Protein backbone atom coordinates (compact mmCIF):
# COMPACT_ATOMS: atom_id res chain seq x y z
CA MET A 1 21.49 -69.45 -15.81
CA LYS A 2 24.61 -68.50 -14.18
CA LYS A 3 24.77 -65.04 -15.35
CA ILE A 4 21.06 -64.47 -14.56
CA SER A 5 21.99 -65.50 -10.98
CA SER A 6 24.97 -63.34 -10.62
CA ILE A 7 22.34 -60.38 -11.75
CA LYS A 8 19.53 -61.45 -9.27
CA ILE A 9 22.67 -61.48 -6.52
CA GLY A 10 23.96 -57.86 -7.23
CA ILE A 11 20.32 -56.12 -7.00
CA VAL A 12 19.80 -57.47 -3.62
CA ILE A 13 23.27 -56.27 -2.62
CA LEU A 14 22.43 -52.77 -4.17
CA SER A 15 18.75 -52.69 -2.59
CA SER A 16 20.47 -53.62 0.60
CA VAL A 17 23.44 -50.73 0.54
CA THR A 18 20.44 -48.34 -0.55
CA ILE A 19 18.26 -49.24 2.56
CA ALA A 20 21.28 -48.69 4.94
CA SER A 21 21.86 -45.30 3.51
CA CYS A 22 18.87 -44.32 3.87
CA GLY A 23 18.26 -45.41 7.63
CA ASN A 24 21.86 -43.77 8.71
CA ALA A 25 20.41 -40.27 6.86
CA ASP A 26 17.13 -40.53 8.89
CA LYS A 27 19.13 -41.58 12.20
CA SER A 28 21.46 -38.19 10.98
CA ALA A 29 18.64 -35.84 10.62
CA GLN A 30 16.85 -36.86 14.01
CA GLN A 31 20.25 -36.56 15.95
CA GLN A 32 20.53 -32.87 14.22
CA GLY A 33 17.21 -31.61 16.12
CA PRO A 34 15.13 -28.38 15.35
CA PRO A 35 17.17 -25.17 14.02
CA PRO A 36 18.98 -23.28 17.23
CA ALA A 37 16.89 -20.09 18.65
CA ILE A 38 18.32 -17.20 16.63
CA PRO A 39 19.51 -14.11 18.92
CA VAL A 40 17.94 -10.70 18.84
CA THR A 41 17.09 -8.00 20.86
CA THR A 42 13.37 -6.83 21.50
CA TYR A 43 11.36 -4.26 22.57
CA ALA A 44 8.14 -4.20 24.47
CA VAL A 45 5.83 -1.34 22.73
CA ALA A 46 4.31 1.05 25.06
CA ASP A 47 2.89 4.83 24.59
CA GLN A 48 4.26 7.93 25.42
CA LEU A 49 3.57 11.47 24.79
CA VAL A 50 5.10 12.51 21.54
CA THR A 51 7.22 15.73 20.37
CA THR A 52 7.89 15.94 16.77
CA VAL A 53 9.21 18.73 14.54
CA ASP A 54 8.02 20.01 11.05
CA THR A 55 10.32 21.60 9.26
CA TYR A 56 9.17 24.36 6.46
CA PRO A 57 11.86 26.78 4.10
CA GLY A 58 10.73 30.35 4.34
CA ILE A 59 11.64 33.33 3.68
CA VAL A 60 12.16 36.37 5.42
CA VAL A 61 9.96 39.44 5.06
CA ALA A 62 9.47 43.11 6.54
CA LEU A 63 6.33 43.07 8.58
CA ASN A 64 6.41 46.86 7.27
CA GLU A 65 7.94 47.57 4.26
CA VAL A 66 7.51 51.22 2.37
CA GLU A 67 8.79 51.93 -1.15
CA LEU A 68 9.43 55.81 -1.50
CA ARG A 69 8.20 57.69 -4.54
CA ALA A 70 8.67 61.23 -5.71
CA GLN A 71 4.95 63.03 -4.99
CA VAL A 72 6.25 65.92 -7.38
CA GLY A 73 8.19 66.82 -10.18
CA GLY A 74 12.07 68.00 -10.18
CA TYR A 75 15.75 67.52 -9.71
CA ILE A 76 16.99 65.90 -6.66
CA THR A 77 18.66 68.38 -4.79
CA ALA A 78 20.22 66.92 -1.56
CA ILE A 79 20.40 63.17 -0.47
CA TYR A 80 20.49 63.38 3.29
CA VAL A 81 20.93 59.86 4.45
CA LYS A 82 23.50 56.59 3.28
CA ASP A 83 22.21 53.62 1.67
CA GLY A 84 21.66 51.11 4.63
CA GLN A 85 21.64 53.58 7.28
CA LYS A 86 19.71 53.58 10.38
CA VAL A 87 16.73 55.89 10.22
CA THR A 88 13.81 57.07 12.34
CA LYS A 89 10.16 58.04 11.58
CA GLY A 90 10.13 61.92 10.44
CA GLN A 91 13.67 62.15 9.23
CA LYS A 92 14.95 63.90 6.41
CA LEU A 93 15.60 61.29 3.16
CA TYR A 94 15.41 63.75 0.22
CA GLU A 95 14.91 66.96 -1.34
CA ILE A 96 13.60 67.93 -4.96
CA ASP A 97 14.21 71.53 -6.30
CA ARG A 98 12.03 73.58 -4.30
CA THR A 99 12.13 76.76 -6.04
CA LYS A 100 8.93 76.51 -8.02
CA TYR A 101 7.21 75.04 -4.94
CA LEU A 102 8.45 77.99 -2.74
CA ALA A 103 7.21 80.53 -5.35
CA ALA A 104 3.75 78.90 -5.79
CA TYR A 105 3.48 78.90 -1.98
CA ASN A 106 4.25 82.67 -1.71
CA SER A 107 1.93 83.57 -4.46
CA ALA A 108 -0.72 81.64 -2.99
CA LYS A 109 -0.22 83.09 0.30
CA ALA A 110 -0.59 86.65 -1.37
CA ASN A 111 -3.46 85.90 -3.48
CA ALA A 112 -5.01 84.59 -0.34
CA ALA A 113 -4.40 88.18 1.32
CA VAL A 114 -5.96 90.19 -1.33
CA ALA A 115 -8.84 87.89 -1.19
CA LYS A 116 -9.43 88.36 2.66
CA ALA A 117 -8.98 92.60 2.23
CA ASN A 118 -11.30 92.53 -0.25
CA ARG A 119 -13.99 89.75 1.86
CA ASP A 120 -12.86 92.76 4.46
CA LYS A 121 -13.84 95.81 2.19
CA ALA A 122 -17.20 94.05 1.17
CA LYS A 123 -18.14 93.52 4.64
CA LYS A 124 -17.86 96.91 5.77
CA ASP A 125 -19.81 98.04 2.71
CA ALA A 126 -22.26 95.21 3.52
CA ASP A 127 -22.82 96.97 7.49
CA ARG A 128 -23.22 100.34 6.26
CA TYR A 129 -25.51 99.78 3.43
CA THR A 130 -27.22 97.66 6.29
CA ARG A 131 -27.55 100.25 8.86
CA LEU A 132 -28.65 102.97 6.40
CA ALA A 133 -31.45 100.62 4.99
CA GLU A 134 -32.45 100.61 8.60
CA GLN A 135 -33.05 104.30 8.42
CA ASP A 136 -34.54 104.08 4.49
CA ALA A 137 -31.53 106.23 3.58
CA VAL A 138 -30.89 104.03 0.90
CA ALA A 139 -32.76 101.25 -1.51
CA LYS A 140 -32.89 97.84 -0.42
CA GLN A 141 -31.45 96.82 -3.93
CA ARG A 142 -28.59 98.63 -2.81
CA VAL A 143 -28.00 96.15 0.10
CA ASP A 144 -28.63 93.26 -1.22
CA TYR A 145 -25.77 94.01 -3.82
CA ALA A 146 -23.48 94.58 -0.95
CA LEU A 147 -24.64 91.59 0.65
CA THR A 148 -23.77 89.40 -2.59
CA ASP A 149 -20.55 91.22 -3.08
CA LEU A 150 -19.66 89.73 0.73
CA ALA A 151 -20.66 86.30 -0.05
CA ASN A 152 -18.51 86.01 -3.45
CA ALA A 153 -15.34 87.79 -1.79
CA ALA A 154 -15.94 84.88 1.03
CA SER A 155 -15.71 82.58 -1.74
CA GLN A 156 -12.89 84.00 -3.25
CA VAL A 157 -11.07 83.68 0.26
CA ALA A 158 -11.78 79.94 0.48
CA ALA A 159 -10.41 79.37 -2.78
CA ALA A 160 -7.36 81.08 -2.18
CA GLU A 161 -6.61 79.62 1.66
CA ALA A 162 -7.10 76.41 -0.53
CA SER A 163 -4.58 77.48 -3.12
CA VAL A 164 -2.15 78.24 -0.07
CA SER A 165 -3.19 74.60 1.35
CA SER A 166 -2.30 72.93 -2.27
CA ALA A 167 0.99 74.95 -2.58
CA ALA A 168 2.25 74.40 0.94
CA ALA A 169 1.51 70.68 0.31
CA ASP A 170 3.51 70.62 -2.32
CA LEU A 171 6.15 72.50 -0.91
CA GLN A 172 6.35 70.03 1.90
CA ARG A 173 6.26 66.97 -0.39
CA SER A 174 9.38 68.09 -1.65
CA ILE A 175 10.98 66.91 1.24
CA ILE A 176 10.98 63.27 1.30
CA VAL A 177 10.94 62.18 5.19
CA SER A 178 10.97 58.74 5.98
CA PRO A 179 7.30 57.07 7.14
CA LEU A 180 9.09 54.72 9.82
CA THR A 181 11.62 53.89 11.86
CA GLY A 182 13.73 51.11 10.40
CA THR A 183 16.97 50.59 7.90
CA ILE A 184 16.80 52.06 4.37
CA GLY A 185 18.09 50.38 1.21
CA ILE A 186 20.55 51.59 -1.50
CA SER A 187 19.50 55.01 -3.36
CA GLN A 188 17.59 54.16 -6.78
CA VAL A 189 18.67 57.65 -7.73
CA LYS A 190 21.45 60.27 -7.75
CA LEU A 191 21.98 63.76 -6.86
CA GLY A 192 20.72 65.85 -10.10
CA ALA A 193 17.99 63.05 -11.15
CA LEU A 194 14.74 64.07 -12.54
CA ALA A 195 12.32 62.62 -10.14
CA SER A 196 8.67 62.46 -11.61
CA PRO A 197 5.54 62.40 -9.89
CA GLY A 198 4.23 59.03 -8.96
CA THR A 199 6.38 56.81 -10.87
CA THR A 200 10.19 57.04 -9.56
CA LEU A 201 11.36 55.01 -6.88
CA LEU A 202 13.68 56.83 -4.77
CA ASN A 203 14.52 53.86 -1.93
CA THR A 204 12.69 51.96 0.21
CA VAL A 205 12.19 51.65 3.85
CA SER A 206 11.69 48.74 6.26
CA THR A 207 11.47 47.86 9.68
CA ASN A 208 14.01 45.67 11.51
CA SER A 209 12.37 44.36 14.94
CA PRO A 210 9.81 42.46 14.90
CA ILE A 211 10.34 40.93 11.39
CA ALA A 212 8.95 37.80 9.93
CA VAL A 213 8.88 34.65 8.21
CA ASP A 214 6.66 33.70 5.41
CA VAL A 215 5.70 29.53 4.47
CA ALA A 216 3.81 27.85 2.68
CA VAL A 217 1.68 24.92 4.47
CA ASN A 218 -0.64 22.28 3.26
CA GLN A 219 -3.80 23.22 3.85
CA SER A 220 -4.85 20.04 6.06
CA LYS A 221 -2.63 22.07 8.51
CA ILE A 222 -4.61 25.19 8.77
CA PRO A 223 -6.49 24.19 11.78
CA HIS A 224 -3.10 23.06 13.53
CA PHE A 225 -2.27 26.70 12.74
CA ALA A 226 -5.21 28.45 13.20
CA GLU A 227 -4.68 27.03 16.96
CA LEU A 228 -1.34 28.28 17.54
CA GLN A 229 -2.26 31.15 16.26
CA ARG A 230 -5.04 31.52 19.19
CA MET A 231 -2.56 29.98 21.64
CA SER A 232 -0.84 32.47 24.38
CA LEU A 233 1.47 30.04 25.52
CA ALA A 234 2.79 29.22 21.87
CA VAL A 235 5.71 32.05 22.36
CA LYS A 236 6.79 30.71 25.75
CA ASP A 237 6.74 26.98 24.64
CA SER A 238 9.07 27.72 21.92
CA ILE A 239 6.75 26.33 19.52
CA PHE A 240 8.49 28.09 16.81
CA SER A 241 12.51 28.21 15.93
CA ILE A 242 14.34 29.25 12.63
CA GLN A 243 17.68 27.58 11.51
CA LEU A 244 19.94 29.79 9.47
CA GLN A 245 21.97 28.40 6.09
CA ASP A 246 25.20 27.84 8.17
CA GLY A 247 22.74 25.49 10.42
CA THR A 248 22.55 27.29 13.78
CA LEU A 249 19.32 28.17 15.66
CA TYR A 250 18.16 31.64 15.90
CA LYS A 251 17.21 32.03 19.70
CA ARG A 252 14.28 34.21 19.57
CA ASN A 253 10.71 32.32 20.07
CA GLY A 254 7.90 33.53 17.38
CA LYS A 255 4.33 33.70 17.03
CA VAL A 256 1.91 33.45 14.12
CA VAL A 257 0.23 36.99 13.19
CA ALA A 258 -1.37 35.97 9.98
CA ILE A 259 -2.87 33.64 7.83
CA ASP A 260 -3.30 34.52 4.40
CA ARG A 261 -6.92 34.71 3.34
CA ALA A 262 -6.94 31.89 0.57
CA VAL A 263 -5.22 28.49 -0.13
CA ASP A 264 -3.34 28.65 -3.64
CA PRO A 265 -5.45 26.46 -5.98
CA ALA A 266 -2.21 25.28 -8.15
CA THR A 267 0.03 24.14 -5.06
CA GLY A 268 -2.50 23.28 -2.17
CA THR A 269 -0.69 25.63 0.20
CA ILE A 270 -1.63 28.53 2.51
CA LYS A 271 1.03 31.47 3.56
CA VAL A 272 1.75 31.41 7.22
CA ARG A 273 3.40 34.44 8.47
CA ILE A 274 5.62 33.86 11.95
CA SER A 275 6.53 37.06 13.73
CA PHE A 276 9.96 37.14 15.70
CA PRO A 277 12.14 40.05 17.54
CA ASN A 278 14.92 41.26 15.41
CA ALA A 279 16.92 43.75 17.66
CA GLU A 280 20.33 42.46 16.70
CA GLY A 281 19.46 42.45 13.18
CA THR A 282 20.64 39.02 12.65
CA LEU A 283 17.45 38.40 10.33
CA VAL A 284 17.77 40.50 6.70
CA ALA A 285 14.38 40.58 4.81
CA GLY A 286 15.14 38.23 1.91
CA MET A 287 16.67 35.54 3.68
CA ASN A 288 16.27 31.91 2.65
CA VAL A 289 15.80 29.97 6.22
CA ASN A 290 13.95 26.97 8.05
CA LEU A 291 10.95 27.38 9.96
CA LYS A 292 10.95 24.53 12.42
CA VAL A 293 7.53 23.91 14.31
CA LEU A 294 7.08 21.94 17.24
CA ASN A 295 4.00 19.02 17.41
CA LYS A 296 3.06 18.30 20.59
CA ALA A 297 0.56 15.36 20.90
CA LYS A 298 -2.10 15.47 23.06
CA THR A 299 -2.52 12.01 23.92
CA GLN A 300 0.22 9.29 24.13
CA GLN A 301 0.78 7.21 21.34
CA LEU A 302 2.52 3.79 20.65
CA VAL A 303 6.03 4.54 19.76
CA ILE A 304 8.26 1.47 18.62
CA PRO A 305 12.18 1.98 17.59
CA TYR A 306 12.23 2.86 13.84
CA LYS A 307 14.94 0.30 12.96
CA ALA A 308 12.25 -2.41 14.01
CA VAL A 309 10.24 -2.27 10.74
CA VAL A 310 10.92 -3.79 7.78
CA GLU A 311 9.72 -2.46 4.27
CA GLN A 312 8.13 -5.23 1.91
CA LEU A 313 6.30 -3.97 -1.72
CA GLY A 314 5.34 -0.62 -0.24
CA ALA A 315 3.69 -2.04 3.10
CA TYR A 316 5.57 -1.67 6.47
CA ASN A 317 6.06 -4.96 8.77
CA VAL A 318 7.28 -5.86 12.33
CA PHE A 319 8.29 -8.91 14.01
CA VAL A 320 6.09 -9.83 16.70
CA VAL A 321 7.38 -12.17 19.76
CA GLY A 322 4.51 -14.88 20.15
CA ASP A 323 4.11 -18.11 22.23
CA SER A 324 7.18 -20.47 22.82
CA SER A 325 9.54 -17.61 21.37
CA LYS A 326 8.16 -17.63 17.63
CA VAL A 327 8.03 -14.70 15.54
CA GLU A 328 5.13 -13.60 13.31
CA GLN A 329 5.41 -11.02 10.61
CA ARG A 330 2.54 -8.33 11.16
CA ILE A 331 1.91 -5.18 9.02
CA VAL A 332 1.42 -1.93 10.53
CA LYS A 333 0.58 1.73 9.66
CA LEU A 334 3.06 4.12 10.34
CA GLY A 335 2.83 7.60 11.89
CA THR A 336 5.04 10.60 12.48
CA GLN A 337 8.64 9.74 12.39
CA PHE A 338 11.04 11.24 15.07
CA GLY A 339 14.21 11.17 15.95
CA GLN A 340 15.18 7.14 16.15
CA ASP A 341 11.48 6.32 16.88
CA VAL A 342 8.45 6.23 15.01
CA VAL A 343 4.85 6.43 16.28
CA VAL A 344 2.40 3.20 15.10
CA SER A 345 -1.40 4.19 14.20
CA GLU A 346 -2.38 0.73 13.64
CA GLY A 347 -1.24 -3.18 13.80
CA LEU A 348 0.21 -3.23 17.32
CA LYS A 349 -1.00 -3.27 20.98
CA GLN A 350 0.47 -1.84 24.03
CA ALA A 351 2.90 -4.37 25.73
CA GLU A 352 3.25 -6.66 22.75
CA VAL A 353 7.07 -7.47 21.99
CA ILE A 354 8.58 -6.91 18.62
CA VAL A 355 12.23 -7.53 17.34
CA VAL A 356 14.46 -4.91 17.07
CA ASP A 357 18.07 -5.88 16.20
CA GLY A 358 18.25 -8.99 13.95
CA VAL A 359 15.59 -8.72 12.17
CA GLN A 360 17.47 -9.48 8.80
CA ASN A 361 17.90 -13.13 10.26
CA VAL A 362 14.24 -14.12 11.43
CA ARG A 363 11.26 -15.24 9.25
CA THR A 364 7.45 -16.53 10.40
CA GLY A 365 8.10 -18.67 12.52
CA SER A 366 11.40 -18.44 13.53
CA VAL A 367 12.65 -19.07 17.56
CA ILE A 368 14.17 -16.44 19.15
CA THR A 369 16.16 -15.91 21.77
CA THR A 370 17.48 -12.58 23.60
CA ALA A 371 21.12 -11.37 22.98
CA PRO A 372 23.10 -8.29 23.36
CA ALA A 373 22.43 -6.15 20.13
CA ALA A 374 25.99 -6.71 18.46
CA GLU A 375 25.11 -10.19 18.37
CA ALA A 376 21.62 -10.09 17.03
CA ASN A 377 23.09 -7.78 14.29
CA ALA A 378 25.41 -10.21 12.95
CA GLN A 379 24.76 -12.35 10.13
CA PRO A 380 24.55 -16.06 10.79
CA ALA A 381 26.76 -18.15 8.96
CA HIS A 382 24.97 -19.99 6.04
CA PRO A 383 25.25 -23.82 6.18
CA ALA A 384 26.31 -23.99 2.61
CA ALA A 385 29.72 -21.79 3.56
CA LYS A 386 30.68 -24.44 5.86
CA LYS A 387 31.48 -26.63 2.98
């Protein structure tokens, strides 16, 4: 019996200790109170006119480029220019052996002279027989023969003159001249090389200024570029600029000169050509550059700092400050990012306040207080770290 009584007394004492411990824990929790406010920096959502920059990889192309090919056959007897030289329209570039073409021209002229002499004789005969026929001195048949001879002689003159023109053209084509003012490339033939008509490429000449940049843009951008092509102020407003491979900007303004006729079905893009002045020759055909296009919004748009955005499972969220300085997480739809800011197309209203610095420290329902950016970005110490 004494043993049982001792057990009962122990149970009573243990229960008393347990109740006392629970009471102390509740008092401790009550003394700690709610968690402290989290220091953050905030931003009041505002709208503004947005100017963004789109970048497209482009290739510099000559607006006018001509391949020089021999139109007559023969050996190259003279080259009048150096590789890469500046040339002017009509300047002599190459000469093909002219011996046979000069001989053909002289022969054609001689044949034309003979034909004209025969025509003149036939005309005199026709005139003489016509007068005699009027006096009934010759038969009418003889007059008809004379007029026929005159017509044949006139036809022979025409054929001879055509031969002269053809021979003169061949003689002229034996001298290749520049079809435009620009720069000639590296010669594809040497002195003494045999040039075949229509097939042998001698060289290429292209214009230097203006010059163009070709870019491929998504088909959804066609209306935008078509509008830029119609804009007379596009050049003045510096809509287009070029970034060279060394990172420097080409300080000349361009304009849209052509939009291709069709979209490439394989890529869904269309070629757009932008012309730039190039008096200094900075841009060279074939260069790879980046074309920068300014996009100036016609209406104001809501803009927030991009660092306020949190991405979770493919969705973009921000923390909006509500009543009693409590924050709630809200999904937003983003537009164009420019610099350190981004356009918000859905999910926020003007003048709403969002958390910018310190977003990593807050959760839905957190109470916040404003603080300097350095303090807001500091990670709070976890309670477990103090132990």
